[in-house]
């Protein structure tokens, strides 16, 4: 019997309500030796007071030393094995905007980017162009006609878009064109290792490279968004919902479409919300009696970390702290606060570092942690260090939703 089999056998449906509050990329590093992380530099009186009434720890998003993408990191938080259930960002982006994916479709995320006359990427995000400009460029790319496939190009947000390729004999088993670093030339798309002789992967690689060449021609006069980078090719495969696995009525509150996509993949209902964390929390409070599990996602912390903006990330954390009393006013039976991964401003990227985790419940054993911070969760967190795949059993147990296992 597997761990999943045990959970499905002992889980029970109750009216208890769980909130999983994800501060994207909240984990950080000091900008100088001996300095504070972003979380430690932030003024967070409400998070700190809550930590003193909770049990804390440090969570590995995937496994020690493995830097996670947002997709697998969230799947792990929702209790899915991220190494068996990995889903490409293209599928998540398409689901996040409500695109009706067919099982044979291949989806890939687009980054509008800046490339110089030597073919070198100077900005992977094209200065985070406005969404209105993104929509205009997607309209231009949608005019492209590619041999043997139907192409759909849809705007997502800012510099992000998604391309869906529909046709016979396609495979998502191809590499990215995005080197994930400025100062390099983009890669050619190719079949992944082991798929070099697969005709479907060969066809997909030819199609993608043709798309990139044509897009460069069309976008040549649209600097800074004069190029596209492709990342996260995949085909859509449905998986068991959180309702089926945990007997939960699940809702997601997220501004960015990709996170709505991973929530939709897990079977959550997507609640419409505004652009700010205040809007998101008020959406939570407004719908609190309707669902038994809420996933609330805050993006600003991650975006600031990726931009290398330490102060902006600190401000984003403080914004979450200011709205925390409204979350608590809903009186969730279990409130878990963490990140999907660390995004230190020092690195301007996701990192492998574990993430602070806080769990508040009537049934938790509070530990000596005085602050919600890396140093306090490491030194005094009663949960120690654990993988994100154990978050769901922890929150279910603290909501009294798990029966005893065995005699």
Protein backbone atom coordinates (compact mmCIF):
# COMPACT_ATOMS: atom_id res chain seq x y z
CA UNK A 1 0.00 0.00 0.00
CA UNK A 2 1.37 3.40 -0.96
CA UNK A 3 1.32 6.63 1.04
CA UNK A 4 -1.43 7.96 -1.27
CA UNK A 5 -3.46 4.80 -0.70
CA UNK A 6 -3.20 5.28 3.07
CA UNK A 7 -4.33 8.92 2.87
CA UNK A 8 -7.33 8.11 0.68
CA UNK A 9 -8.31 5.36 3.13
CA UNK A 10 -8.16 7.49 6.29
CA UNK A 11 -9.32 10.92 5.08
CA UNK A 12 -12.80 12.04 6.18
CA UNK A 13 -15.04 14.85 5.00
CA UNK A 14 -15.71 17.48 7.67
CA UNK A 15 -16.78 21.15 7.64
CA UNK A 16 -13.37 22.29 8.98
CA UNK A 17 -11.75 24.94 6.78
CA UNK A 18 -8.11 25.06 5.71
CA UNK A 19 -6.24 28.04 4.23
CA UNK A 20 -2.92 27.47 2.48
CA UNK A 21 -1.41 30.94 2.06
CA UNK A 22 1.54 30.88 -0.33
CA UNK A 23 3.87 33.90 -0.36
CA UNK A 24 5.67 33.10 -3.60
CA UNK A 25 9.46 33.03 -3.32
CA UNK A 26 9.37 34.26 0.29
CA UNK A 27 12.63 32.57 1.29
CA UNK A 28 15.72 34.71 0.84
CA UNK A 29 19.38 35.33 1.56
CA UNK A 30 21.32 38.23 3.09
CA UNK A 31 22.61 40.72 0.54
CA UNK A 32 25.83 40.94 2.56
CA UNK A 33 27.47 38.54 4.98
CA UNK A 34 25.83 38.72 8.40
CA UNK A 35 22.89 40.78 7.16
CA UNK A 36 19.20 39.85 7.29
CA UNK A 37 17.20 38.01 4.68
CA UNK A 38 14.25 39.84 3.14
CA UNK A 39 11.89 38.16 5.61
CA UNK A 40 14.13 39.04 8.55
CA UNK A 41 14.45 42.66 7.38
CA UNK A 42 10.68 43.07 7.08
CA UNK A 43 8.57 44.55 9.87
CA UNK A 44 6.04 41.73 10.39
CA UNK A 45 4.37 42.09 13.81
CA UNK A 46 1.30 40.04 12.86
CA UNK A 47 3.23 37.15 11.30
CA UNK A 48 5.57 37.13 14.29
CA UNK A 49 2.72 37.11 16.81
CA UNK A 50 1.08 34.27 14.89
CA UNK A 51 4.36 32.31 14.83
CA UNK A 52 4.40 32.46 18.64
CA UNK A 53 1.02 30.68 18.69
CA UNK A 54 1.90 28.17 15.96
CA UNK A 55 4.32 25.43 15.03
CA UNK A 56 7.00 26.27 12.49
CA UNK A 57 9.66 24.57 10.42
CA UNK A 58 11.65 24.62 7.20
CA UNK A 59 10.18 23.03 4.10
CA UNK A 60 12.07 21.60 1.11
CA UNK A 61 9.93 22.36 -1.96
CA UNK A 62 11.11 19.22 -3.79
CA UNK A 63 14.24 17.70 -2.24
CA UNK A 64 17.44 19.09 -0.71
CA UNK A 65 19.57 20.87 -3.28
CA UNK A 66 16.93 20.80 -6.04
CA UNK A 67 15.87 24.23 -7.34
CA UNK A 68 12.15 23.99 -8.18
CA UNK A 69 10.07 25.52 -10.90
CA UNK A 70 6.74 26.96 -9.81
CA UNK A 71 4.71 24.11 -11.31
CA UNK A 72 6.31 21.18 -9.48
CA UNK A 73 6.67 23.26 -6.30
CA UNK A 74 2.92 23.89 -6.16
CA UNK A 75 2.03 20.33 -7.08
CA UNK A 76 4.16 19.20 -4.13
CA UNK A 77 2.33 21.64 -1.83
CA UNK A 78 -0.97 20.15 -3.02
CA UNK A 79 0.27 16.65 -2.17
CA UNK A 80 1.21 15.34 -5.61
CA UNK A 81 4.58 13.69 -6.24
CA UNK A 82 6.37 16.41 -8.27
CA UNK A 83 8.75 13.87 -9.81
CA UNK A 84 5.91 11.66 -11.09
CA UNK A 85 3.34 14.39 -11.83
CA UNK A 86 5.55 17.06 -13.40
CA UNK A 87 3.60 19.38 -15.72
CA UNK A 88 5.14 21.84 -18.18
CA UNK A 89 4.57 25.56 -17.73
CA UNK A 90 2.87 25.73 -21.12
CA UNK A 91 0.02 23.50 -19.95
CA UNK A 92 -0.28 25.45 -16.69
CA UNK A 93 -0.38 28.77 -18.54
CA UNK A 94 -3.03 27.52 -20.96
CA UNK A 95 -5.20 26.12 -18.16
CA UNK A 96 -4.70 29.32 -16.18
CA UNK A 97 -6.32 31.45 -18.88
CA UNK A 98 -9.11 28.90 -19.38
CA UNK A 99 -7.94 27.60 -22.77
CA UNK A 100 -9.69 24.37 -23.77
CA UNK A 101 -6.72 22.06 -24.22
CA UNK A 102 -7.12 18.87 -26.25
CA UNK A 103 -5.12 15.80 -25.16
CA UNK A 104 -2.95 15.91 -28.30
CA UNK A 105 -2.16 19.65 -28.00
CA UNK A 106 1.37 20.76 -27.12
CA UNK A 107 1.49 23.97 -25.09
CA UNK A 108 4.53 26.10 -24.29
CA UNK A 109 5.02 29.29 -22.34
CA UNK A 110 6.29 32.33 -24.24
CA UNK A 111 8.47 35.03 -22.72
CA UNK A 112 8.61 38.17 -24.82
CA UNK A 113 12.29 39.12 -24.66
CA UNK A 114 14.89 41.54 -26.00
CA UNK A 115 17.63 40.34 -28.35
CA UNK A 116 20.45 42.44 -29.81
CA UNK A 117 21.84 42.57 -33.35
CA UNK A 118 24.32 39.80 -32.48
CA UNK A 119 21.53 37.43 -31.48
CA UNK A 120 22.27 37.68 -27.76
CA UNK A 121 19.47 37.99 -25.19
CA UNK A 122 19.76 41.25 -23.26
CA UNK A 123 16.48 41.00 -21.28
CA UNK A 124 14.53 37.74 -20.83
CA UNK A 125 11.40 39.66 -19.85
CA UNK A 126 11.46 42.59 -22.31
CA UNK A 127 11.27 45.04 -19.43
CA UNK A 128 8.05 43.37 -18.21
CA UNK A 129 6.05 45.01 -21.01
CA UNK A 130 2.45 46.05 -20.20
CA UNK A 131 -0.20 43.40 -20.75
CA UNK A 132 -1.87 45.61 -23.37
CA UNK A 133 1.32 45.52 -25.47
CA UNK A 134 1.53 41.77 -24.93
CA UNK A 135 -2.00 41.36 -26.30
CA UNK A 136 -1.11 43.41 -29.38
CA UNK A 137 1.93 41.23 -30.10
CA UNK A 138 -0.05 38.03 -29.58
CA UNK A 139 -2.54 39.24 -32.18
CA UNK A 140 0.34 39.66 -34.65
CA UNK A 141 1.77 36.21 -33.90
CA UNK A 142 -1.65 34.62 -34.25
CA UNK A 143 -1.53 35.55 -37.96
CA UNK A 144 1.32 33.09 -38.52
CA UNK A 145 0.55 29.96 -40.54
CA UNK A 146 2.73 26.94 -39.78
CA UNK A 147 2.89 23.74 -41.86
CA UNK A 148 0.80 20.80 -40.59
CA UNK A 149 -0.32 22.40 -37.33
CA UNK A 150 -2.92 24.81 -36.05
CA UNK A 151 -1.39 27.57 -33.93
CA UNK A 152 -3.03 29.43 -31.06
CA UNK A 153 -1.18 32.33 -29.40
CA UNK A 154 -2.76 33.81 -26.29
CA UNK A 155 -1.71 36.58 -23.93
CA UNK A 156 -1.17 35.68 -20.29
CA UNK A 157 0.19 38.72 -18.45
CA UNK A 158 2.97 41.31 -18.82
CA UNK A 159 5.78 39.59 -20.77
CA UNK A 160 4.19 36.12 -20.58
CA UNK A 161 2.08 34.43 -23.24
CA UNK A 162 1.33 30.88 -24.33
CA UNK A 163 1.43 29.05 -27.65
CA UNK A 164 -0.62 25.94 -28.33
CA UNK A 165 0.22 23.68 -31.28
CA UNK A 166 -2.59 21.39 -32.47
CA UNK A 167 -2.04 18.67 -35.03
CA UNK A 168 -1.29 15.01 -35.62
CA UNK A 169 1.94 13.42 -34.47
CA UNK A 170 3.25 16.01 -31.98
CA UNK A 171 5.14 15.43 -28.75
CA UNK A 172 5.96 17.66 -25.80
CA UNK A 173 9.27 15.84 -25.30
CA UNK A 174 11.43 18.68 -26.60
CA UNK A 175 13.86 21.13 -25.02
CA UNK A 176 13.36 24.83 -24.26
CA UNK A 177 14.75 27.67 -26.33
CA UNK A 178 15.09 29.82 -23.19
CA UNK A 179 18.59 29.56 -21.67
CA UNK A 180 17.14 31.22 -18.52
CA UNK A 181 20.01 33.70 -18.47
CA UNK A 182 20.65 36.99 -20.22
CA UNK A 183 23.90 37.43 -22.14
CA UNK A 184 23.46 34.15 -24.02
CA UNK A 185 22.03 33.24 -27.39
CA UNK A 186 18.71 31.37 -27.39
CA UNK A 187 18.83 27.61 -27.84
CA UNK A 188 17.38 25.71 -30.75
CA UNK A 189 14.50 23.46 -29.73
CA UNK A 190 15.43 19.77 -30.03
CA UNK A 191 14.08 16.39 -28.88
CA UNK A 192 15.04 15.65 -25.28
CA UNK A 193 17.70 13.04 -24.60
CA UNK A 194 16.33 9.62 -25.49
CA UNK A 195 13.73 11.00 -27.91
CA UNK A 196 16.11 11.95 -30.75
CA UNK A 197 14.63 9.32 -33.07
CA UNK A 198 11.01 9.98 -32.11
CA UNK A 199 9.25 11.38 -35.23
CA UNK A 200 6.71 13.28 -33.08
CA UNK A 201 9.48 15.01 -31.11
CA UNK A 202 11.38 15.79 -34.31
CA UNK A 203 8.25 17.31 -35.85
CA UNK A 204 7.57 19.39 -32.74
CA UNK A 205 11.16 20.69 -32.70
CA UNK A 206 10.99 21.71 -36.37
CA UNK A 207 7.64 23.41 -35.81
CA UNK A 208 8.85 25.30 -32.73
CA UNK A 209 12.04 26.52 -34.40
CA UNK A 210 10.03 27.66 -37.41
CA UNK A 211 7.68 29.53 -35.05
CA UNK A 212 10.63 31.28 -33.35
CA UNK A 213 12.16 32.33 -36.69
CA UNK A 214 8.87 33.73 -37.97
CA UNK A 215 8.18 35.47 -34.68
CA UNK A 216 11.57 37.18 -34.79
CA UNK A 217 10.75 38.53 -38.25
CA UNK A 218 7.34 39.84 -37.15
CA UNK A 219 8.62 41.36 -33.89
CA UNK A 220 11.75 43.01 -35.31
CA UNK A 221 10.26 46.50 -35.03
CA UNK A 222 8.73 45.97 -31.57
CA UNK A 223 11.73 46.41 -29.26
CA UNK A 224 12.08 45.78 -26.38
CA UNK A 225 9.78 42.82 -27.15
CA UNK A 226 11.55 41.86 -30.38
CA UNK A 227 11.95 38.16 -29.69
CA UNK A 228 10.28 35.18 -28.00
CA UNK A 229 11.71 32.52 -25.69
CA UNK A 230 9.92 29.18 -25.32
CA UNK A 231 9.87 27.26 -22.06
CA UNK A 232 7.94 24.30 -20.65
CA UNK A 233 6.63 22.25 -23.60
CA UNK A 234 4.09 19.65 -22.53
CA UNK A 235 0.88 17.82 -23.38
CA UNK A 236 -2.13 17.86 -21.09
CA UNK A 237 -2.84 14.76 -19.01
CA UNK A 238 -5.66 14.99 -16.42
CA UNK A 239 -4.92 13.80 -12.89
CA UNK A 240 -6.99 12.97 -9.77
CA UNK A 241 -8.49 16.06 -8.17
CA UNK A 242 -7.97 17.17 -4.59
CA UNK A 243 -11.68 16.58 -4.03
CA UNK A 244 -11.20 12.93 -5.01
CA UNK A 245 -8.04 12.53 -2.96
CA UNK A 246 -8.87 14.53 0.17
CA UNK A 247 -12.67 15.00 0.20
CA UNK A 248 -12.15 18.76 0.10
CA UNK A 249 -14.15 21.47 -1.69
CA UNK A 250 -11.24 23.51 -3.03
CA UNK A 251 -10.95 27.09 -4.25
CA UNK A 252 -7.98 29.03 -5.58
CA UNK A 253 -7.38 32.78 -5.29
CA UNK A 254 -4.50 33.88 -7.50
CA UNK A 255 -3.79 36.87 -9.72
CA UNK A 256 -1.31 35.26 -12.12
CA UNK A 257 -2.76 32.79 -14.64
CA UNK A 258 -0.04 30.14 -14.24
CA UNK A 259 -0.99 29.59 -10.60
CA UNK A 260 -4.64 29.43 -11.52
CA UNK A 261 -3.55 26.81 -14.05
CA UNK A 262 -1.86 24.54 -11.54
CA UNK A 263 -4.86 24.96 -9.22
CA UNK A 264 -7.24 24.04 -12.05
CA UNK A 265 -5.10 20.98 -12.78
CA UNK A 266 -5.65 19.91 -9.15
CA UNK A 267 -9.41 20.38 -9.57
CA UNK A 268 -9.87 23.66 -7.69
CA UNK A 269 -12.52 26.23 -8.53
CA UNK A 270 -10.91 29.52 -9.56
CA UNK A 271 -12.41 32.52 -7.76
CA UNK A 272 -12.31 35.88 -9.56
CA UNK A 273 -10.33 38.47 -7.64
CA UNK A 274 -8.67 41.85 -7.98
CA UNK A 275 -5.00 42.68 -8.51
CA UNK A 276 -3.80 43.25 -4.93
CA UNK A 277 -3.24 41.03 -1.91
CA UNK A 278 -5.99 43.02 -0.18
CA UNK A 279 -8.37 42.05 -2.99
CA UNK A 280 -7.32 38.40 -2.66
CA UNK A 281 -7.87 38.28 1.10
CA UNK A 282 -11.27 39.94 0.80
CA UNK A 283 -12.21 37.36 -1.83
CA UNK A 284 -11.22 34.68 0.69
CA UNK A 285 -13.38 36.21 3.41
CA UNK A 286 -16.33 36.68 1.03
CA UNK A 287 -16.33 33.01 -0.05
CA UNK A 288 -15.19 31.50 3.22
CA UNK A 289 -18.39 29.57 3.98
CA UNK A 290 -18.56 28.01 0.51
CA UNK A 291 -15.37 25.89 0.46
CA UNK A 292 -13.33 23.78 2.88
CA UNK A 293 -9.89 24.43 1.34
CA UNK A 294 -8.47 27.70 0.02
CA UNK A 295 -5.21 28.20 -1.86
CA UNK A 296 -4.23 31.89 -1.74
CA UNK A 297 -1.25 32.94 -3.84
CA UNK A 298 0.78 36.17 -3.57
CA UNK A 299 3.13 36.88 -6.48
CA UNK A 300 4.81 40.23 -5.68
CA UNK A 301 7.49 38.73 -3.44
CA UNK A 302 8.73 36.39 -6.18
CA UNK A 303 8.72 39.08 -8.86
CA UNK A 304 10.79 41.41 -6.65
CA UNK A 305 13.25 38.61 -5.88
CA UNK A 306 13.69 37.79 -9.57
CA UNK A 307 14.36 41.48 -10.24
CA UNK A 308 17.02 41.53 -7.53
CA UNK A 309 15.06 44.19 -5.65
CA UNK A 310 15.60 43.43 -1.95
CA UNK A 311 13.69 46.46 -0.66
CA UNK A 312 10.68 45.83 -2.91
CA UNK A 313 10.50 42.24 -1.69
CA UNK A 314 10.64 43.45 1.92
CA UNK A 315 7.77 45.84 1.17
CA UNK A 316 5.73 43.03 -0.41
CA UNK A 317 6.20 40.86 2.69
CA UNK A 318 5.12 43.78 4.90
CA UNK A 319 2.00 44.20 2.74
CA UNK A 320 1.07 40.59 3.46
CA UNK A 321 1.63 41.16 7.17
CA UNK A 322 -0.70 44.17 7.21
CA UNK A 323 -3.58 42.16 5.73
CA UNK A 324 -3.04 39.08 7.93
CA UNK A 325 -5.59 40.17 10.58
CA UNK A 326 -8.33 39.98 7.93
CA UNK A 327 -7.26 36.40 7.13
CA UNK A 328 -7.44 35.55 10.83
CA UNK A 329 -10.85 37.22 11.13
CA UNK A 330 -12.29 34.42 8.99
CA UNK A 331 -11.18 32.00 11.74
CA UNK A 332 -9.83 29.16 9.58
CA UNK A 333 -9.49 25.88 11.46
CA UNK A 334 -6.02 25.51 9.95
CA UNK A 335 -3.86 28.28 8.48
CA UNK A 336 -0.58 27.32 6.82
CA UNK A 337 1.73 30.10 5.59
CA UNK A 338 4.79 29.38 3.47
CA UNK A 339 6.31 29.87 0.01
CA UNK A 340 6.48 27.54 -2.95
CA UNK A 341 10.26 28.12 -3.08
CA UNK A 342 12.91 30.68 -2.20
CA UNK A 343 13.70 33.57 -4.56
CA UNK A 344 16.59 35.49 -2.99
CA UNK A 345 17.13 38.97 -4.44
CA UNK A 346 20.84 38.17 -4.18
CA UNK A 347 20.45 35.46 -6.83
CA UNK A 348 17.67 37.08 -8.91
CA UNK A 349 16.23 33.58 -9.38
CA UNK A 350 14.57 30.63 -7.69
CA UNK A 351 16.95 28.75 -5.40
CA UNK A 352 17.27 25.37 -3.68
CA UNK A 353 17.04 26.77 -0.15
CA UNK A 354 14.29 25.49 2.16
CA UNK A 355 11.36 27.78 2.90
CA UNK A 356 9.96 28.95 6.26
CA UNK A 357 6.68 27.24 7.15
CA UNK A 358 4.06 28.17 9.75
CA UNK A 359 1.05 26.07 10.76
CA UNK A 360 -1.64 27.47 13.07
CA UNK A 361 -4.41 25.32 14.50
CA UNK A 362 -6.27 24.75 17.77
CA UNK A 363 -4.51 21.38 17.81
CA UNK A 364 -0.89 22.39 17.07
CA UNK A 365 1.88 22.33 19.66
CA UNK A 366 3.38 25.85 19.64
CA UNK A 367 7.18 25.89 19.56
CA UNK A 368 9.63 28.54 20.87
CA UNK A 369 9.86 30.43 17.54
CA UNK A 370 9.47 34.17 18.13
CA UNK A 371 9.38 35.32 14.51
CA UNK A 372 8.32 33.99 11.13
CA UNK A 373 11.81 33.98 9.63
CA UNK A 374 14.43 31.61 8.29
CA UNK A 375 16.65 31.81 11.39
CA UNK A 376 13.80 31.27 13.87
CA UNK A 377 12.21 28.44 11.86
CA UNK A 378 15.61 26.72 11.59
CA UNK A 379 16.63 27.09 15.23
CA UNK A 380 13.31 26.80 17.02
CA UNK A 381 10.79 25.32 14.60
CA UNK A 382 9.10 22.27 16.08
CA UNK A 383 8.45 20.71 12.67
CA UNK A 384 12.14 20.61 11.80
CA UNK A 385 12.90 20.20 8.11
CA UNK A 386 10.45 18.29 5.94
CA UNK A 387 9.39 17.97 2.26
CA UNK A 388 6.51 19.96 0.80
CA UNK A 389 4.73 16.70 -0.09
CA UNK A 390 3.95 16.36 3.64
CA UNK A 391 2.09 19.67 3.88
CA UNK A 392 -1.31 18.22 2.97
CA UNK A 393 -1.18 15.40 5.54
CA UNK A 394 -0.12 17.95 8.18
CA UNK A 395 -2.95 20.38 7.46
CA UNK A 396 -5.51 17.58 7.12
CA UNK A 397 -4.46 16.11 10.47
CA UNK A 398 -4.63 19.49 12.23
CA UNK A 399 -8.14 19.96 10.78
CA UNK A 400 -9.12 16.53 12.23
CA UNK A 401 -9.73 15.20 8.73
CA UNK A 402 -7.60 12.03 9.08
CA UNK A 403 -8.71 8.89 10.93
CA UNK A 404 -6.33 6.55 12.72
CA UNK A 405 -4.41 4.21 10.44
CA UNK A 406 -4.40 0.57 11.43
CA UNK A 407 -5.70 -1.26 14.47
